[in-house]
Amino acid sequence: MAAASAPRSFADTIFARLIALAIAVLIAIIFYAYWVDDMRALFAADKQEIPILAEQPQVNEANTGLQNCLAERVGDVDKMKAEGVINDAQYANFRRHAEELCRAQHPN
């Protein structure tokens, strides 16, 4: 006696799989159309051409509050390194945090 097979659901049909494949291809085409230049620059390792990597915050000459904050905070970090309170690895981390704090307090 043969075992009775349960009816297949729509998700198990070849038609559903073709629809999923078409959606995946459509999404890949959309991604390619929007980010083809960024992907080429990324694979060529050209950081200047990648918009998100090329954007570096610049110090505005007119923003004296930011410049004063950077001078004070980074100066304090430099002083701690000179006194031997922090090592080289800590210095890079502390300096980055000091710059981020000043940029948050004084946006351009």
PDB file of N, CA and C in Angstrom:
ATOM      1  N   MET A   1       0.836  -1.152   0.000  1.00  0.00           N
ATOM      2  CA  MET A   1       0.000   0.000   0.000  1.00  0.00           C
ATOM      3  C   MET A   1       0.896   1.235   0.000  1.00  0.00           C
ATOM      4  N   ALA A   2       0.610   2.117  -0.871  1.00  0.00           N
ATOM      5  CA  ALA A   2       1.413   3.323  -1.023  1.00  0.00           C
ATOM      6  C   ALA A   2       0.996   4.352   0.016  1.00  0.00           C
ATOM      7  N   ALA A   3       1.971   5.064   0.528  1.00  0.00           N
ATOM      8  CA  ALA A   3       1.691   6.101   1.514  1.00  0.00           C
ATOM      9  C   ALA A   3       1.049   7.285   0.820  1.00  0.00           C
ATOM     10  N   ALA A   4       0.050   7.834   1.436  1.00  0.00           N
ATOM     11  CA  ALA A   4      -0.642   8.993   0.865  1.00  0.00           C
ATOM     12  C   ALA A   4       0.226  10.228   1.077  1.00  0.00           C
ATOM     13  N   SER A   5       0.435  10.983   0.020  1.00  0.00           N
ATOM     14  CA  SER A   5       1.247  12.195   0.150  1.00  0.00           C
ATOM     15  C   SER A   5       0.345  13.390   0.412  1.00  0.00           C
ATOM     16  N   ALA A   6       0.818  14.246   1.260  1.00  0.00           N
ATOM     17  CA  ALA A   6       0.043  15.443   1.598  1.00  0.00           C
ATOM     18  C   ALA A   6       0.143  16.424   0.430  1.00  0.00           C
ATOM     19  N   PRO A   7      -0.886  17.216   0.219  1.00  0.00           N
ATOM     20  CA  PRO A   7      -0.814  18.192  -0.869  1.00  0.00           C
ATOM     21  C   PRO A   7       0.276  19.235  -0.581  1.00  0.00           C
ATOM     22  N   ARG A   8       0.941  19.657  -1.646  1.00  0.00           N
ATOM     23  CA  ARG A   8       2.022  20.618  -1.504  1.00  0.00           C
ATOM     24  C   ARG A   8       1.449  22.017  -1.320  1.00  0.00           C
ATOM     25  N   SER A   9       2.100  22.789  -0.469  1.00  0.00           N
ATOM     26  CA  SER A   9       1.663  24.168  -0.290  1.00  0.00           C
ATOM     27  C   SER A   9       2.225  25.009  -1.430  1.00  0.00           C
ATOM     28  N   PHE A  10       1.733  26.223  -1.567  1.00  0.00           N
ATOM     29  CA  PHE A  10       2.181  27.102  -2.647  1.00  0.00           C
ATOM     30  C   PHE A  10       3.668  27.414  -2.538  1.00  0.00           C
ATOM     31  N   ALA A  11       4.167  27.535  -1.308  1.00  0.00           N
ATOM     32  CA  ALA A  11       5.580  27.867  -1.097  1.00  0.00           C
ATOM     33  C   ALA A  11       6.509  26.770  -1.608  1.00  0.00           C
ATOM     34  N   ASP A  12       6.009  25.549  -1.757  1.00  0.00           N
ATOM     35  CA  ASP A  12       6.829  24.446  -2.226  1.00  0.00           C
ATOM     36  C   ASP A  12       6.769  24.263  -3.741  1.00  0.00           C
ATOM     37  N   THR A  13       6.029  25.072  -4.434  1.00  0.00           N
ATOM     38  CA  THR A  13       5.897  24.895  -5.882  1.00  0.00           C
ATOM     39  C   THR A  13       7.032  25.592  -6.627  1.00  0.00           C
ATOM     40  N   ILE A  14       7.233  25.175  -7.845  1.00  0.00           N
ATOM     41  CA  ILE A  14       8.267  25.774  -8.685  1.00  0.00           C
ATOM     42  C   ILE A  14       7.913  27.224  -9.011  1.00  0.00           C
ATOM     43  N   PHE A  15       6.621  27.513  -9.088  1.00  0.00           N
ATOM     44  CA  PHE A  15       6.181  28.880  -9.381  1.00  0.00           C
ATOM     45  C   PHE A  15       6.615  29.846  -8.268  1.00  0.00           C
ATOM     46  N   ALA A  16       6.480  29.431  -7.024  1.00  0.00           N
ATOM     47  CA  ALA A  16       6.885  30.268  -5.890  1.00  0.00           C
ATOM     48  C   ALA A  16       8.395  30.470  -5.891  1.00  0.00           C
ATOM     49  N   ARG A  17       9.129  29.439  -6.244  1.00  0.00           N
ATOM     50  CA  ARG A  17      10.591  29.570  -6.294  1.00  0.00           C
ATOM     51  C   ARG A  17      11.028  30.498  -7.427  1.00  0.00           C
ATOM     52  N   LEU A  18      10.334  30.474  -8.538  1.00  0.00           N
ATOM     53  CA  LEU A  18      10.650  31.389  -9.635  1.00  0.00           C
ATOM     54  C   LEU A  18      10.347  32.837  -9.256  1.00  0.00           C
ATOM     55  N   ILE A  19       9.273  33.040  -8.514  1.00  0.00           N
ATOM     56  CA  ILE A  19       8.949  34.391  -8.034  1.00  0.00           C
ATOM     57  C   ILE A  19      10.051  34.881  -7.089  1.00  0.00           C
ATOM     58  N   ALA A  20      10.510  34.037  -6.183  1.00  0.00           N
ATOM     59  CA  ALA A  20      11.578  34.409  -5.251  1.00  0.00           C
ATOM     60  C   ALA A  20      12.870  34.722  -6.007  1.00  0.00           C
ATOM     61  N   LEU A  21      13.174  33.944  -7.019  1.00  0.00           N
ATOM     62  CA  LEU A  21      14.369  34.199  -7.819  1.00  0.00           C
ATOM     63  C   LEU A  21      14.251  35.529  -8.555  1.00  0.00           C
ATOM     64  N   ALA A  22      13.075  35.821  -9.095  1.00  0.00           N
ATOM     65  CA  ALA A  22      12.867  37.089  -9.799  1.00  0.00           C
ATOM     66  C   ALA A  22      13.022  38.273  -8.849  1.00  0.00           C
ATOM     67  N   ILE A  23      12.513  38.138  -7.638  1.00  0.00           N
ATOM     68  CA  ILE A  23      12.650  39.212  -6.644  1.00  0.00           C
ATOM     69  C   ILE A  23      14.117  39.406  -6.277  1.00  0.00           C
ATOM     70  N   ALA A  24      14.850  38.320  -6.094  1.00  0.00           N
ATOM     71  CA  ALA A  24      16.272  38.424  -5.742  1.00  0.00           C
ATOM     72  C   ALA A  24      17.059  39.089  -6.867  1.00  0.00           C
ATOM     73  N   VAL A  25      16.769  38.737  -8.098  1.00  0.00           N
ATOM     74  CA  VAL A  25      17.456  39.356  -9.234  1.00  0.00           C
ATOM     75  C   VAL A  25      17.101  40.831  -9.325  1.00  0.00           C
ATOM     76  N   LEU A  26      15.866  41.178  -9.105  1.00  0.00           N
ATOM     77  CA  LEU A  26      15.440  42.574  -9.129  1.00  0.00           C
ATOM     78  C   LEU A  26      16.147  43.390  -8.050  1.00  0.00           C
ATOM     79  N   ILE A  27      16.264  42.857  -6.859  1.00  0.00           N
ATOM     80  CA  ILE A  27      16.960  43.551  -5.777  1.00  0.00           C
ATOM     81  C   ILE A  27      18.438  43.721  -6.121  1.00  0.00           C
ATOM     82  N   ALA A  28      19.055  42.700  -6.697  1.00  0.00           N
ATOM     83  CA  ALA A  28      20.461  42.800  -7.092  1.00  0.00           C
ATOM     84  C   ALA A  28      20.656  43.877  -8.160  1.00  0.00           C
ATOM     85  N   ILE A  29      19.746  43.981  -9.094  1.00  0.00           N
ATOM     86  CA  ILE A  29      19.835  45.014 -10.138  1.00  0.00           C
ATOM     87  C   ILE A  29      19.693  46.405  -9.527  1.00  0.00           C
ATOM     88  N   ILE A  30      18.786  46.563  -8.593  1.00  0.00           N
ATOM     89  CA  ILE A  30      18.589  47.853  -7.938  1.00  0.00           C
ATOM     90  C   ILE A  30      19.842  48.242  -7.155  1.00  0.00           C
ATOM     91  N   PHE A  31      20.389  47.303  -6.388  1.00  0.00           N
ATOM     92  CA  PHE A  31      21.625  47.585  -5.652  1.00  0.00           C
ATOM     93  C   PHE A  31      22.748  47.964  -6.605  1.00  0.00           C
ATOM     94  N   TYR A  32      22.871  47.234  -7.680  1.00  0.00           N
ATOM     95  CA  TYR A  32      23.925  47.513  -8.645  1.00  0.00           C
ATOM     96  C   TYR A  32      23.750  48.902  -9.250  1.00  0.00           C
ATOM     97  N   ALA A  33      22.528  49.261  -9.589  1.00  0.00           N
ATOM     98  CA  ALA A  33      22.273  50.557 -10.224  1.00  0.00           C
ATOM     99  C   ALA A  33      22.608  51.716  -9.286  1.00  0.00           C
ATOM    100  N   TYR A  34      22.325  51.561  -8.007  1.00  0.00           N
ATOM    101  CA  TYR A  34      22.566  52.650  -7.066  1.00  0.00           C
ATOM    102  C   TYR A  34      24.000  52.720  -6.570  1.00  0.00           C
ATOM    103  N   TRP A  35      24.658  51.582  -6.442  1.00  0.00           N
ATOM    104  CA  TRP A  35      25.966  51.580  -5.802  1.00  0.00           C
ATOM    105  C   TRP A  35      27.097  51.041  -6.663  1.00  0.00           C
ATOM    106  N   VAL A  36      26.947  51.041  -7.983  1.00  0.00           N
ATOM    107  CA  VAL A  36      27.986  50.484  -8.843  1.00  0.00           C
ATOM    108  C   VAL A  36      29.289  51.273  -8.724  1.00  0.00           C
ATOM    109  N   ASP A  37      29.225  52.591  -8.688  1.00  0.00           N
ATOM    110  CA  ASP A  37      30.442  53.391  -8.588  1.00  0.00           C
ATOM    111  C   ASP A  37      31.136  53.194  -7.238  1.00  0.00           C
ATOM    112  N   ASP A  38      30.334  53.120  -6.174  1.00  0.00           N
ATOM    113  CA  ASP A  38      30.911  52.902  -4.851  1.00  0.00           C
ATOM    114  C   ASP A  38      31.576  51.530  -4.763  1.00  0.00           C
ATOM    115  N   MET A  39      30.958  50.508  -5.349  1.00  0.00           N
ATOM    116  CA  MET A  39      31.532  49.170  -5.317  1.00  0.00           C
ATOM    117  C   MET A  39      32.832  49.110  -6.117  1.00  0.00           C
ATOM    118  N   ARG A  40      32.857  49.758  -7.273  1.00  0.00           N
ATOM    119  CA  ARG A  40      34.093  49.776  -8.065  1.00  0.00           C
ATOM    120  C   ARG A  40      35.210  50.461  -7.292  1.00  0.00           C
ATOM    121  N   ALA A  41      34.908  51.573  -6.650  1.00  0.00           N
ATOM    122  CA  ALA A  41      35.919  52.281  -5.861  1.00  0.00           C
ATOM    123  C   ALA A  41      36.361  51.441  -4.669  1.00  0.00           C
ATOM    124  N   LEU A  42      35.428  50.727  -4.065  1.00  0.00           N
ATOM    125  CA  LEU A  42      35.762  49.890  -2.920  1.00  0.00           C
ATOM    126  C   LEU A  42      36.703  48.768  -3.322  1.00  0.00           C
ATOM    127  N   PHE A  43      36.401  48.092  -4.429  1.00  0.00           N
ATOM    128  CA  PHE A  43      37.240  46.990  -4.858  1.00  0.00           C
ATOM    129  C   PHE A  43      38.565  47.480  -5.427  1.00  0.00           C
ATOM    130  N   ALA A  44      38.611  48.730  -5.883  1.00  0.00           N
ATOM    131  CA  ALA A  44      39.867  49.302  -6.362  1.00  0.00           C
ATOM    132  C   ALA A  44      40.669  49.906  -5.208  1.00  0.00           C
ATOM    133  N   ALA A  45      40.099  49.901  -4.004  1.00  0.00           N
ATOM    134  CA  ALA A  45      40.737  50.434  -2.796  1.00  0.00           C
ATOM    135  C   ALA A  45      41.055  51.916  -2.940  1.00  0.00           C
ATOM    136  N   ASP A  46      40.149  52.658  -3.551  1.00  0.00           N
ATOM    137  CA  ASP A  46      40.314  54.093  -3.736  1.00  0.00           C
ATOM    138  C   ASP A  46      39.387  54.807  -2.765  1.00  0.00           C
ATOM    139  N   LYS A  47      39.879  55.135  -1.578  1.00  0.00           N
ATOM    140  CA  LYS A  47      39.048  55.704  -0.528  1.00  0.00           C
ATOM    141  C   LYS A  47      38.544  57.100  -0.867  1.00  0.00           C
ATOM    142  N   GLN A  48      39.239  57.815  -1.742  1.00  0.00           N
ATOM    143  CA  GLN A  48      38.805  59.166  -2.097  1.00  0.00           C
ATOM    144  C   GLN A  48      37.516  59.149  -2.900  1.00  0.00           C
ATOM    145  N   GLU A  49      37.233  58.053  -3.595  1.00  0.00           N
ATOM    146  CA  GLU A  49      36.048  57.978  -4.437  1.00  0.00           C
ATOM    147  C   GLU A  49      34.819  57.460  -3.695  1.00  0.00           C
ATOM    148  N   ILE A  50      34.989  56.895  -2.513  1.00  0.00           N
ATOM    149  CA  ILE A  50      33.865  56.373  -1.742  1.00  0.00           C
ATOM    150  C   ILE A  50      33.328  57.503  -0.881  1.00  0.00           C
ATOM    151  N   PRO A  51      32.099  57.938  -1.130  1.00  0.00           N
ATOM    152  CA  PRO A  51      31.588  59.126  -0.434  1.00  0.00           C
ATOM    153  C   PRO A  51      31.635  59.037   1.089  1.00  0.00           C
ATOM    154  N   ILE A  52      31.257  57.922   1.651  1.00  0.00           N
ATOM    155  CA  ILE A  52      31.192  57.839   3.109  1.00  0.00           C
ATOM    156  C   ILE A  52      32.592  57.812   3.726  1.00  0.00           C
ATOM    157  N   LEU A  53      33.579  57.294   3.001  1.00  0.00           N
ATOM    158  CA  LEU A  53      34.940  57.274   3.524  1.00  0.00           C
ATOM    159  C   LEU A  53      35.680  58.570   3.231  1.00  0.00           C
ATOM    160  N   ALA A  54      35.274  59.277   2.185  1.00  0.00           N
ATOM    161  CA  ALA A  54      35.952  60.516   1.810  1.00  0.00           C
ATOM    162  C   ALA A  54      35.530  61.678   2.698  1.00  0.00           C
ATOM    163  N   GLU A  55      34.360  61.572   3.318  1.00  0.00           N
ATOM    164  CA  GLU A  55      33.863  62.658   4.159  1.00  0.00           C
ATOM    165  C   GLU A  55      34.618  62.671   5.478  1.00  0.00           C
ATOM    166  N   GLN A  56      35.385  63.687   5.683  1.00  0.00           N
ATOM    167  CA  GLN A  56      36.086  63.871   6.938  1.00  0.00           C
ATOM    168  C   GLN A  56      35.635  65.202   7.518  1.00  0.00           C
ATOM    169  N   PRO A  57      35.308  65.226   8.784  1.00  0.00           N
ATOM    170  CA  PRO A  57      34.881  66.495   9.365  1.00  0.00           C
ATOM    171  C   PRO A  57      36.019  67.512   9.321  1.00  0.00           C
ATOM    172  N   GLN A  58      35.724  68.679   8.842  1.00  0.00           N
ATOM    173  CA  GLN A  58      36.707  69.736   8.729  1.00  0.00           C
ATOM    174  C   GLN A  58      36.459  70.771   9.821  1.00  0.00           C
ATOM    175  N   VAL A  59      37.531  71.326  10.337  1.00  0.00           N
ATOM    176  CA  VAL A  59      37.405  72.368  11.348  1.00  0.00           C
ATOM    177  C   VAL A  59      37.079  73.668  10.629  1.00  0.00           C
ATOM    178  N   ASN A  60      35.968  74.251  11.000  1.00  0.00           N
ATOM    179  CA  ASN A  60      35.555  75.520  10.408  1.00  0.00           C
ATOM    180  C   ASN A  60      36.378  76.624  11.050  1.00  0.00           C
ATOM    181  N   GLU A  61      36.994  77.451  10.210  1.00  0.00           N
ATOM    182  CA  GLU A  61      37.850  78.514  10.730  1.00  0.00           C
ATOM    183  C   GLU A  61      37.057  79.491  11.610  1.00  0.00           C
ATOM    184  N   ALA A  62      35.776  79.675  11.305  1.00  0.00           N
ATOM    185  CA  ALA A  62      34.961  80.628  12.051  1.00  0.00           C
ATOM    186  C   ALA A  62      34.486  80.055  13.388  1.00  0.00           C
ATOM    187  N   ASN A  63      34.589  78.762  13.584  1.00  0.00           N
ATOM    188  CA  ASN A  63      34.095  78.137  14.805  1.00  0.00           C
ATOM    189  C   ASN A  63      35.204  78.139  15.857  1.00  0.00           C
ATOM    190  N   THR A  64      35.350  79.268  16.506  1.00  0.00           N
ATOM    191  CA  THR A  64      36.421  79.400  17.497  1.00  0.00           C
ATOM    192  C   THR A  64      36.149  78.558  18.741  1.00  0.00           C
ATOM    193  N   GLY A  65      34.872  78.317  19.041  1.00  0.00           N
ATOM    194  CA  GLY A  65      34.537  77.477  20.194  1.00  0.00           C
ATOM    195  C   GLY A  65      35.079  76.067  20.009  1.00  0.00           C
ATOM    196  N   LEU A  66      34.951  75.545  18.789  1.00  0.00           N
ATOM    197  CA  LEU A  66      35.473  74.211  18.493  1.00  0.00           C
ATOM    198  C   LEU A  66      36.994  74.201  18.579  1.00  0.00           C
ATOM    199  N   GLN A  67      37.617  75.217  18.028  1.00  0.00           N
ATOM    200  CA  GLN A  67      39.076  75.275  18.063  1.00  0.00           C
ATOM    201  C   GLN A  67      39.595  75.390  19.496  1.00  0.00           C
ATOM    202  N   ASN A  68      38.937  76.189  20.301  1.00  0.00           N
ATOM    203  CA  ASN A  68      39.346  76.332  21.699  1.00  0.00           C
ATOM    204  C   ASN A  68      39.161  75.023  22.463  1.00  0.00           C
ATOM    205  N   CYS A  69      38.031  74.367  22.212  1.00  0.00           N
ATOM    206  CA  CYS A  69      37.757  73.088  22.873  1.00  0.00           C
ATOM    207  C   CYS A  69      38.799  72.053  22.474  1.00  0.00           C
ATOM    208  N   LEU A  70      39.099  71.977  21.166  1.00  0.00           N
ATOM    209  CA  LEU A  70      40.102  71.019  20.702  1.00  0.00           C
ATOM    210  C   LEU A  70      41.464  71.310  21.315  1.00  0.00           C
ATOM    211  N   ALA A  71      41.828  72.577  21.368  1.00  0.00           N
ATOM    212  CA  ALA A  71      43.124  72.939  21.940  1.00  0.00           C
ATOM    213  C   ALA A  71      43.199  72.536  23.414  1.00  0.00           C
ATOM    214  N   GLU A  72      42.113  72.772  24.143  1.00  0.00           N
ATOM    215  CA  GLU A  72      42.111  72.448  25.568  1.00  0.00           C
ATOM    216  C   GLU A  72      42.091  70.946  25.807  1.00  0.00           C
ATOM    217  N   ARG A  73      41.132  70.238  25.171  1.00  0.00           N
ATOM    218  CA  ARG A  73      40.973  68.797  25.425  1.00  0.00           C
ATOM    219  C   ARG A  73      42.161  67.991  24.901  1.00  0.00           C
ATOM    220  N   VAL A  74      42.559  68.268  23.669  1.00  0.00           N
ATOM    221  CA  VAL A  74      43.695  67.532  23.106  1.00  0.00           C
ATOM    222  C   VAL A  74      44.976  67.911  23.843  1.00  0.00           C
ATOM    223  N   GLY A  75      45.067  69.157  24.283  1.00  0.00           N
ATOM    224  CA  GLY A  75      46.215  69.567  25.087  1.00  0.00           C
ATOM    225  C   GLY A  75      46.293  68.797  26.387  1.00  0.00           C
ATOM    226  N   ASP A  76      45.147  68.575  27.026  1.00  0.00           N
ATOM    227  CA  ASP A  76      45.122  67.788  28.263  1.00  0.00           C
ATOM    228  C   ASP A  76      45.578  66.353  28.012  1.00  0.00           C
ATOM    229  N   VAL A  77      45.128  65.776  26.890  1.00  0.00           N
ATOM    230  CA  VAL A  77      45.523  64.405  26.554  1.00  0.00           C
ATOM    231  C   VAL A  77      47.027  64.352  26.262  1.00  0.00           C
ATOM    232  N   ASP A  78      47.531  65.339  25.536  1.00  0.00           N
ATOM    233  CA  ASP A  78      48.970  65.396  25.261  1.00  0.00           C
ATOM    234  C   ASP A  78      49.767  65.503  26.558  1.00  0.00           C
ATOM    235  N   LYS A  79      49.263  66.291  27.495  1.00  0.00           N
ATOM    236  CA  LYS A  79      49.943  66.469  28.770  1.00  0.00           C
ATOM    237  C   LYS A  79      49.968  65.154  29.557  1.00  0.00           C
ATOM    238  N   MET A  80      48.842  64.408  29.528  1.00  0.00           N
ATOM    239  CA  MET A  80      48.805  63.128  30.232  1.00  0.00           C
ATOM    240  C   MET A  80      49.811  62.148  29.630  1.00  0.00           C
ATOM    241  N   LYS A  81      49.948  62.175  28.296  1.00  0.00           N
ATOM    242  CA  LYS A  81      50.924  61.282  27.658  1.00  0.00           C
ATOM    243  C   LYS A  81      52.345  61.691  28.023  1.00  0.00           C
ATOM    244  N   ALA A  82      52.611  62.989  28.023  1.00  0.00           N
ATOM    245  CA  ALA A  82      53.953  63.471  28.356  1.00  0.00           C
ATOM    246  C   ALA A  82      54.324  63.127  29.793  1.00  0.00           C
ATOM    247  N   GLU A  83      53.338  63.143  30.696  1.00  0.00           N
ATOM    248  CA  GLU A  83      53.595  62.823  32.098  1.00  0.00           C
ATOM    249  C   GLU A  83      53.656  61.318  32.347  1.00  0.00           C
ATOM    250  N   GLY A  84      53.311  60.525  31.348  1.00  0.00           N
ATOM    251  CA  GLY A  84      53.360  59.077  31.496  1.00  0.00           C
ATOM    252  C   GLY A  84      52.139  58.481  32.147  1.00  0.00           C
ATOM    253  N   VAL A  85      51.065  59.247  32.232  1.00  0.00           N
ATOM    254  CA  VAL A  85      49.828  58.751  32.840  1.00  0.00           C
ATOM    255  C   VAL A  85      49.162  57.729  31.927  1.00  0.00           C
ATOM    256  N   ILE A  86      49.260  57.930  30.609  1.00  0.00           N
ATOM    257  CA  ILE A  86      48.662  57.017  29.638  1.00  0.00           C
ATOM    258  C   ILE A  86      49.737  56.546  28.663  1.00  0.00           C
ATOM    259  N   ASN A  87      49.512  55.358  28.075  1.00  0.00           N
ATOM    260  CA  ASN A  87      50.469  54.834  27.105  1.00  0.00           C
ATOM    261  C   ASN A  87      50.027  55.214  25.680  1.00  0.00           C
ATOM    262  N   ASP A  88      50.771  54.749  24.677  1.00  0.00           N
ATOM    263  CA  ASP A  88      50.495  55.129  23.287  1.00  0.00           C
ATOM    264  C   ASP A  88      49.127  54.655  22.818  1.00  0.00           C
ATOM    265  N   ALA A  89      48.744  53.435  23.184  1.00  0.00           N
ATOM    266  CA  ALA A  89      47.442  52.913  22.759  1.00  0.00           C
ATOM    267  C   ALA A  89      46.305  53.726  23.387  1.00  0.00           C
ATOM    268  N   GLN A  90      46.457  54.057  24.649  1.00  0.00           N
ATOM    269  CA  GLN A  90      45.440  54.853  25.327  1.00  0.00           C
ATOM    270  C   GLN A  90      45.400  56.268  24.756  1.00  0.00           C
ATOM    271  N   TYR A  91      46.557  56.794  24.372  1.00  0.00           N
ATOM    272  CA  TYR A  91      46.629  58.151  23.840  1.00  0.00           C
ATOM    273  C   TYR A  91      45.755  58.293  22.600  1.00  0.00           C
ATOM    274  N   ALA A  92      45.862  57.355  21.668  1.00  0.00           N
ATOM    275  CA  ALA A  92      45.063  57.432  20.440  1.00  0.00           C
ATOM    276  C   ALA A  92      43.578  57.388  20.763  1.00  0.00           C
ATOM    277  N   ASN A  93      43.191  56.526  21.682  1.00  0.00           N
ATOM    278  CA  ASN A  93      41.785  56.399  22.066  1.00  0.00           C
ATOM    279  C   ASN A  93      41.293  57.659  22.777  1.00  0.00           C
ATOM    280  N   PHE A  94      42.059  58.175  23.730  1.00  0.00           N
ATOM    281  CA  PHE A  94      41.667  59.372  24.471  1.00  0.00           C
ATOM    282  C   PHE A  94      41.566  60.585  23.546  1.00  0.00           C
ATOM    283  N   ARG A  95      42.525  60.704  22.626  1.00  0.00           N
ATOM    284  CA  ARG A  95      42.509  61.838  21.700  1.00  0.00           C
ATOM    285  C   ARG A  95      41.273  61.794  20.801  1.00  0.00           C
ATOM    286  N   ARG A  96      40.949  60.592  20.307  1.00  0.00           N
ATOM    287  CA  ARG A  96      39.760  60.451  19.453  1.00  0.00           C
ATOM    288  C   ARG A  96      38.494  60.826  20.221  1.00  0.00           C
ATOM    289  N   HIS A  97      38.407  60.376  21.464  1.00  0.00           N
ATOM    290  CA  HIS A  97      37.235  60.715  22.274  1.00  0.00           C
ATOM    291  C   HIS A  97      37.168  62.218  22.568  1.00  0.00           C
ATOM    292  N   ALA A  98      38.299  62.843  22.794  1.00  0.00           N
ATOM    293  CA  ALA A  98      38.322  64.287  23.045  1.00  0.00           C
ATOM    294  C   ALA A  98      37.847  65.054  21.807  1.00  0.00           C
ATOM    295  N   GLU A  99      38.298  64.628  20.631  1.00  0.00           N
ATOM    296  CA  GLU A  99      37.863  65.283  19.397  1.00  0.00           C
ATOM    297  C   GLU A  99      36.369  65.088  19.160  1.00  0.00           C
ATOM    298  N   GLU A 100      35.870  63.868  19.407  1.00  0.00           N
ATOM    299  CA  GLU A 100      34.437  63.600  19.231  1.00  0.00           C
ATOM    300  C   GLU A 100      33.604  64.439  20.195  1.00  0.00           C
ATOM    301  N   LEU A 101      34.065  64.580  21.427  1.00  0.00           N
ATOM    302  CA  LEU A 101      33.348  65.381  22.420  1.00  0.00           C
ATOM    303  C   LEU A 101      33.263  66.843  21.972  1.00  0.00           C
ATOM    304  N   CYS A 102      34.378  67.381  21.512  1.00  0.00           N
ATOM    305  CA  CYS A 102      34.389  68.778  21.073  1.00  0.00           C
ATOM    306  C   CYS A 102      33.499  68.990  19.847  1.00  0.00           C
ATOM    307  N   ARG A 103      33.541  68.049  18.921  1.00  0.00           N
ATOM    308  CA  ARG A 103      32.699  68.184  17.709  1.00  0.00           C
ATOM    309  C   ARG A 103      31.209  68.064  18.064  1.00  0.00           C
ATOM    310  N   ALA A 104      30.890  67.278  19.090  1.00  0.00           N
ATOM    311  CA  ALA A 104      29.491  67.163  19.516  1.00  0.00           C
ATOM    312  C   ALA A 104      29.034  68.432  20.226  1.00  0.00           C
ATOM    313  N   GLN A 105      29.926  69.045  20.981  1.00  0.00           N
ATOM    314  CA  GLN A 105      29.570  70.255  21.712  1.00  0.00           C
ATOM    315  C   GLN A 105      29.522  71.478  20.816  1.00  0.00           C
ATOM    316  N   HIS A 106      30.332  71.478  19.754  1.00  0.00           N
ATOM    317  CA  HIS A 106      30.416  72.640  18.860  1.00  0.00           C
ATOM    318  C   HIS A 106      30.275  72.194  17.408  1.00  0.00           C
ATOM    319  N   PRO A 107      29.073  71.851  16.967  1.00  0.00           N
ATOM    320  CA  PRO A 107      28.902  71.405  15.571  1.00  0.00           C
ATOM    321  C   PRO A 107      29.190  72.564  14.603  1.00  0.00           C
ATOM    322  N   ASN A 108      29.688  72.189  13.438  1.00  0.00           N
ATOM    323  CA  ASN A 108      30.005  73.206  12.409  1.00  0.00           C
ATOM    324  C   ASN A 108      28.759  73.829  11.863  1.00  0.00           C
TER     325      ASN A 108
END
